[in-house]
Amino acid sequence: LNMSEKSYVLAVCLAGVFGTAGIHHFYLRRWAHGVFDLSLLILGIYFLFFFAPLGYLLLFTDFIHTVYFTFKLVIGEYKDGDGNLVSIPSSN
């Protein structure tokens, strides 16, 4: 299994700070996930002003999506856009 050249620490930090915006997905070249996350955030905020229940549903979905993929990233089971594992740095 190939290891990603992308920084595990940076990816986790991006997920922690900008997770609901999907910035970590863009960094890891997972474009579809990034667009999905960013769209949920933008549409969720938009609909809060016009139809709040849908806005809350979209934001909740974005939050759950972010928590799930951040967890996979933290435990070292997430792959970048090239299919390479974003590995936890060794403590050697």
Protein backbone atom coordinates (compact mmCIF):
# COMPACT_ATOMS: atom_id res chain seq x y z
CA LEU A 1 0.00 0.00 0.00
CA ASN A 2 1.42 3.37 -1.03
CA MET A 3 1.70 6.22 1.46
CA SER A 4 0.61 9.74 0.58
CA GLU A 5 3.14 12.54 0.28
CA LYS A 6 0.61 14.86 1.89
CA SER A 7 1.20 15.88 5.51
CA TYR A 8 -0.93 13.97 8.00
CA VAL A 9 -0.55 16.74 10.61
CA LEU A 10 -1.57 19.50 8.20
CA ALA A 11 -4.54 17.48 6.94
CA VAL A 12 -5.78 16.85 10.50
CA CYS A 13 -5.31 20.54 11.41
CA LEU A 14 -7.21 21.66 8.31
CA ALA A 15 -10.00 19.21 9.12
CA GLY A 16 -10.17 20.46 12.69
CA VAL A 17 -10.25 24.16 11.85
CA PHE A 18 -11.94 24.29 8.44
CA GLY A 19 -13.64 20.89 8.40
CA THR A 20 -17.16 21.92 7.46
CA ALA A 21 -15.79 23.94 4.54
CA GLY A 22 -13.97 20.84 3.22
CA ILE A 23 -10.57 22.50 2.95
CA HIS A 24 -8.83 19.27 4.03
CA HIS A 25 -10.46 17.42 1.13
CA PHE A 26 -9.12 19.98 -1.34
CA TYR A 27 -5.65 19.71 0.23
CA LEU A 28 -5.75 15.92 -0.18
CA ARG A 29 -6.99 16.25 -3.80
CA ARG A 30 -10.41 14.74 -3.03
CA TRP A 31 -12.22 17.32 -5.13
CA ALA A 32 -15.71 15.78 -5.05
CA HIS A 33 -15.70 15.57 -1.25
CA GLY A 34 -14.42 19.15 -1.01
CA VAL A 35 -17.11 20.49 -3.34
CA PHE A 36 -19.75 18.46 -1.48
CA ASP A 37 -18.66 19.83 1.92
CA LEU A 38 -18.37 23.40 0.70
CA SER A 39 -21.76 23.21 -1.06
CA LEU A 40 -23.46 21.88 2.06
CA LEU A 41 -22.01 24.73 4.10
CA ILE A 42 -22.95 27.47 1.62
CA LEU A 43 -26.43 26.13 0.93
CA GLY A 44 -27.01 25.48 4.63
CA ILE A 45 -26.18 29.09 5.51
CA TYR A 46 -28.26 30.37 2.57
CA PHE A 47 -31.33 28.37 3.54
CA LEU A 48 -31.09 29.44 7.19
CA PHE A 49 -32.41 32.80 6.01
CA PHE A 50 -35.17 31.51 3.73
CA PHE A 51 -36.23 28.08 4.98
CA ALA A 52 -34.54 27.38 8.30
CA PRO A 53 -35.42 23.65 8.63
CA LEU A 54 -33.65 22.84 5.37
CA GLY A 55 -30.72 25.03 6.37
CA TYR A 56 -30.33 23.19 9.67
CA LEU A 57 -30.61 19.83 7.91
CA LEU A 58 -27.87 20.74 5.42
CA LEU A 59 -25.58 22.06 8.16
CA PHE A 60 -26.20 18.97 10.29
CA THR A 61 -25.42 16.74 7.30
CA ASP A 62 -22.22 18.71 6.69
CA PHE A 63 -21.24 18.32 10.35
CA ILE A 64 -21.82 14.53 10.33
CA HIS A 65 -19.91 14.18 7.03
CA THR A 66 -17.01 16.16 8.49
CA VAL A 67 -16.91 14.20 11.76
CA TYR A 68 -16.92 10.87 9.90
CA PHE A 69 -14.10 11.73 7.51
CA THR A 70 -12.05 13.54 10.17
CA PHE A 71 -12.28 10.40 12.33
CA LYS A 72 -11.09 8.26 9.41
CA LEU A 73 -8.22 10.69 8.87
CA VAL A 74 -7.21 10.75 12.56
CA ILE A 75 -7.11 6.94 12.83
CA GLY A 76 -5.08 6.68 9.62
CA GLU A 77 -7.67 5.10 7.32
CA TYR A 78 -8.14 7.99 4.89
CA LYS A 79 -6.73 8.02 1.37
CA ASP A 80 -5.80 11.02 -0.72
CA GLY A 81 -7.12 11.68 -4.21
CA ASP A 82 -4.48 9.37 -5.72
CA GLY A 83 -5.54 6.43 -3.55
CA ASN A 84 -2.53 6.67 -1.24
CA LEU A 85 -3.00 6.31 2.50
CA VAL A 86 -2.50 9.46 4.57
CA SER A 87 -0.45 7.79 7.25
CA ILE A 88 0.06 8.70 10.89
CA PRO A 89 3.67 9.84 11.44
CA SER A 90 5.72 7.18 13.21
CA SER A 91 7.13 7.90 16.64
CA ASN A 92 10.63 6.63 15.79
